[in-house]
Amino acid sequence: MAQVKIYYEPEMELLTVFWQPPRKNQIATELGDGVILIKDDTTGEPIGLELLSYHPSDNRLDAISLEIGQVAEVL
């Protein structure tokens, strides 16, 4: 089962969501509107995102769709 870790820092107005463990070699790319995509620098795999200037009533999460699943084993 996948685990999603969410960190909210109200004093910094920062919301961070990881669906993979953070990496030492991660990189961040701003997608616009204060949305930062966090990726593994080696594989390019997205592992999380950050929302800058986040408040609990922020509607930017309404525009984000995330689907996590497992690939079926092929025999």
C-alpha atoms as a PDB file:
ATOM      1  CA  MET A   1       0.000   0.000   0.000  1.00  0.00           C
ATOM      2  CA  ALA A   2       1.306   3.430  -0.916  1.00  0.00           C
ATOM      3  CA  GLN A   3       1.793   5.982   1.824  1.00  0.00           C
ATOM      4  CA  VAL A   4       1.359   9.680   1.229  1.00  0.00           C
ATOM      5  CA  LYS A   5       3.098  12.030   3.648  1.00  0.00           C
ATOM      6  CA  ILE A   6       1.800  15.570   3.967  1.00  0.00           C
ATOM      7  CA  TYR A   7       3.655  18.331   5.790  1.00  0.00           C
ATOM      8  CA  TYR A   8       2.060  21.708   6.501  1.00  0.00           C
ATOM      9  CA  GLU A   9       4.128  24.585   7.857  1.00  0.00           C
ATOM     10  CA  PRO A  10       1.643  27.406   8.566  1.00  0.00           C
ATOM     11  CA  GLU A  11       4.285  29.965   9.558  1.00  0.00           C
ATOM     12  CA  MET A  12       5.974  29.461   6.159  1.00  0.00           C
ATOM     13  CA  GLU A  13       2.655  28.952   4.303  1.00  0.00           C
ATOM     14  CA  LEU A  14       4.105  25.783   2.779  1.00  0.00           C
ATOM     15  CA  LEU A  15       2.365  22.479   2.039  1.00  0.00           C
ATOM     16  CA  THR A  16       4.568  19.551   0.966  1.00  0.00           C
ATOM     17  CA  VAL A  17       3.197  16.208  -0.261  1.00  0.00           C
ATOM     18  CA  PHE A  18       5.419  13.153  -0.843  1.00  0.00           C
ATOM     19  CA  TRP A  19       4.116   9.907  -2.366  1.00  0.00           C
ATOM     20  CA  GLN A  20       7.662   8.499  -2.511  1.00  0.00           C
ATOM     21  CA  PRO A  21      10.393   8.917   0.133  1.00  0.00           C
ATOM     22  CA  PRO A  22      12.406  12.162  -0.190  1.00  0.00           C
ATOM     23  CA  ARG A  23      15.762  11.673  -1.915  1.00  0.00           C
ATOM     24  CA  LYS A  24      19.185  13.221  -1.436  1.00  0.00           C
ATOM     25  CA  ASN A  25      19.350  13.773  -5.195  1.00  0.00           C
ATOM     26  CA  GLN A  26      15.906  15.328  -5.661  1.00  0.00           C
ATOM     27  CA  ILE A  27      15.320  18.388  -7.833  1.00  0.00           C
ATOM     28  CA  ALA A  28      12.458  20.869  -7.917  1.00  0.00           C
ATOM     29  CA  THR A  29      10.755  22.448 -10.924  1.00  0.00           C
ATOM     30  CA  GLU A  30       8.218  25.259 -10.642  1.00  0.00           C
ATOM     31  CA  LEU A  31       5.117  24.458 -12.671  1.00  0.00           C
ATOM     32  CA  GLY A  32       3.510  27.864 -12.140  1.00  0.00           C
ATOM     33  CA  ASP A  33       1.108  29.421  -9.634  1.00  0.00           C
ATOM     34  CA  GLY A  34       3.396  28.435  -6.731  1.00  0.00           C
ATOM     35  CA  VAL A  35       3.239  24.694  -7.505  1.00  0.00           C
ATOM     36  CA  ILE A  36       6.633  22.962  -7.281  1.00  0.00           C
ATOM     37  CA  LEU A  37       7.147  19.436  -8.653  1.00  0.00           C
ATOM     38  CA  ILE A  38       9.782  17.397  -6.786  1.00  0.00           C
ATOM     39  CA  LYS A  39      11.535  14.697  -8.845  1.00  0.00           C
ATOM     40  CA  ASP A  40      14.305  12.158  -8.421  1.00  0.00           C
ATOM     41  CA  ASP A  41      17.277  13.709 -10.242  1.00  0.00           C
ATOM     42  CA  THR A  42      18.555  10.338 -11.467  1.00  0.00           C
ATOM     43  CA  THR A  43      15.347   8.823 -12.842  1.00  0.00           C
ATOM     44  CA  GLY A  44      13.205  11.924 -13.367  1.00  0.00           C
ATOM     45  CA  GLU A  45      10.375  10.180 -11.466  1.00  0.00           C
ATOM     46  CA  PRO A  46       7.998  12.599  -9.682  1.00  0.00           C
ATOM     47  CA  ILE A  47       8.085  11.939  -5.932  1.00  0.00           C
ATOM     48  CA  GLY A  48       6.229  14.904  -4.472  1.00  0.00           C
ATOM     49  CA  LEU A  49       5.062  18.477  -4.766  1.00  0.00           C
ATOM     50  CA  GLU A  50       5.009  21.694  -2.791  1.00  0.00           C
ATOM     51  CA  LEU A  51       2.468  24.495  -2.736  1.00  0.00           C
ATOM     52  CA  LEU A  52       3.870  27.914  -1.874  1.00  0.00           C
ATOM     53  CA  SER A  53       1.698  30.501  -0.073  1.00  0.00           C
ATOM     54  CA  TYR A  54      -0.687  27.718   0.949  1.00  0.00           C
ATOM     55  CA  HIS A  55      -3.740  28.306   3.164  1.00  0.00           C
ATOM     56  CA  PRO A  56      -6.232  25.579   4.209  1.00  0.00           C
ATOM     57  CA  SER A  57      -8.904  27.066   1.891  1.00  0.00           C
ATOM     58  CA  ASP A  58      -6.520  27.030  -1.111  1.00  0.00           C
ATOM     59  CA  ASN A  59      -8.264  25.819  -4.273  1.00  0.00           C
ATOM     60  CA  ARG A  60      -5.092  24.861  -6.164  1.00  0.00           C
ATOM     61  CA  LEU A  61      -5.449  21.270  -4.921  1.00  0.00           C
ATOM     62  CA  ASP A  62      -8.733  21.084  -6.845  1.00  0.00           C
ATOM     63  CA  ALA A  63      -6.721  21.189 -10.077  1.00  0.00           C
ATOM     64  CA  ILE A  64      -4.328  18.371  -9.092  1.00  0.00           C
ATOM     65  CA  SER A  65      -5.165  14.783  -9.934  1.00  0.00           C
ATOM     66  CA  LEU A  66      -2.962  11.996  -8.608  1.00  0.00           C
ATOM     67  CA  GLU A  67      -3.465   8.325  -9.207  1.00  0.00           C
ATOM     68  CA  ILE A  68      -1.285   5.802  -7.422  1.00  0.00           C
ATOM     69  CA  GLY A  69      -1.455   2.102  -8.143  1.00  0.00           C
ATOM     70  CA  GLN A  70       0.610  -0.982  -8.629  1.00  0.00           C
ATOM     71  CA  VAL A  71       1.522  -2.521 -11.927  1.00  0.00           C
ATOM     72  CA  ALA A  72       0.203  -6.056 -12.207  1.00  0.00           C
ATOM     73  CA  GLU A  73       2.893  -8.708 -12.386  1.00  0.00           C
ATOM     74  CA  VAL A  74       3.202 -10.202 -15.861  1.00  0.00           C
ATOM     75  CA  LEU A  75       3.862 -13.946 -15.930  1.00  0.00           C
END
